[in-house]
Every structure is written in structure tokens, then in C-alpha cells.
């Protein structure tokens, strides 16, 4: 099952917890202090990491949509 990763940049506070959980999918834009999505539609092998990143985000800024 495919998934799509979305970061709400209004909500993101730049904690970088997502980057620690799923470094292949998330990075931090140092100038903006916000998360960026490196892989908007990651493979299913990364699902566990992406879902963990969404769970641990203190700002609840990450949404994982199943397609």
C-alpha cells in the first residue's frame, strides 16, 4: 500500500524528531527552521519509520496518508 507524507509547515516547530526517526524521508531546512520531506511517497519498507516520526512529532505536524 502506498503512502504520502505531508508536513504542515504552519505547525512545524523544527524539533527534528522526524529526522531522527526517518532520516531517509525527512530533513531540516536550517534557514527556515522547518522540516522538509525528502521523499513524499516513500517505499513501504520505510512505513514503520515514517509512522514513528508522525507519532513522536511534538507539534503533530506530520500526516501520513494511505493511498
Protein backbone atom coordinates (compact mmCIF):
# COMPACT_ATOMS: atom_id res chain seq x y z
CA UNK A 1 0.00 0.00 0.00
CA UNK A 2 1.44 3.36 -0.96
CA UNK A 3 1.66 6.32 1.37
CA UNK A 4 2.06 10.07 1.06
CA UNK A 5 3.89 12.15 3.67
CA UNK A 6 2.79 15.71 4.38
CA UNK A 7 4.35 18.22 6.79
CA UNK A 8 2.20 21.13 7.93
CA UNK A 9 4.76 23.94 7.81
CA UNK A 10 2.48 26.22 9.84
CA UNK A 11 2.53 23.70 12.70
CA UNK A 12 6.15 22.53 12.37
CA UNK A 13 8.42 23.91 15.09
CA UNK A 14 11.66 22.39 13.80
CA UNK A 15 12.24 19.91 16.63
CA UNK A 16 13.79 17.47 14.09
CA UNK A 17 12.32 14.41 15.82
CA UNK A 18 11.08 13.26 12.41
CA UNK A 19 14.58 13.45 11.03
CA UNK A 20 15.87 11.25 13.83
CA UNK A 21 13.14 8.65 13.25
CA UNK A 22 13.22 8.61 9.44
CA UNK A 23 16.34 10.31 8.07
CA UNK A 24 15.74 8.95 4.57
CA UNK A 25 12.40 10.79 4.43
CA UNK A 26 12.88 13.98 6.47
CA UNK A 27 15.48 16.69 6.76
CA UNK A 28 15.60 20.08 8.41
CA UNK A 29 15.71 23.34 6.48
CA UNK A 30 18.21 25.18 8.66
CA UNK A 31 17.31 28.63 7.29
CA UNK A 32 13.57 28.22 7.82
CA UNK A 33 13.84 26.03 10.92
CA UNK A 34 11.23 23.65 9.48
CA UNK A 35 11.15 20.03 8.42
CA UNK A 36 11.30 19.19 4.75
CA UNK A 37 10.13 16.00 3.11
CA UNK A 38 12.87 14.37 1.05
CA UNK A 39 10.68 11.52 -0.16
CA UNK A 40 6.98 12.45 -0.44
CA UNK A 41 5.95 8.92 -1.39
CA UNK A 42 8.42 6.63 0.39
CA UNK A 43 8.52 2.89 -0.12
CA UNK A 44 6.66 0.57 2.21
CA UNK A 45 9.98 -0.51 3.72
CA UNK A 46 10.07 2.92 5.40
CA UNK A 47 6.48 2.82 6.69
CA UNK A 48 7.41 1.92 10.28
CA UNK A 49 9.93 4.76 10.47
CA UNK A 50 7.56 7.29 8.88
CA UNK A 51 4.68 6.35 11.18
CA UNK A 52 7.03 6.61 14.18
CA UNK A 53 8.11 10.08 13.00
CA UNK A 54 4.48 11.18 12.83
CA UNK A 55 3.80 9.78 16.32
CA UNK A 56 6.78 11.46 18.00
CA UNK A 57 6.31 14.88 16.40
CA UNK A 58 5.64 17.25 19.35
CA UNK A 59 3.81 19.68 17.05
CA UNK A 60 1.72 16.96 15.38
CA UNK A 61 2.77 18.45 12.04
CA UNK A 62 3.16 15.19 10.09
CA UNK A 63 0.35 13.42 8.27
CA UNK A 64 0.70 10.04 6.62
CA UNK A 65 -1.99 9.37 4.02
CA UNK A 66 -2.51 5.84 2.70
CA UNK A 67 -3.20 5.53 -0.99
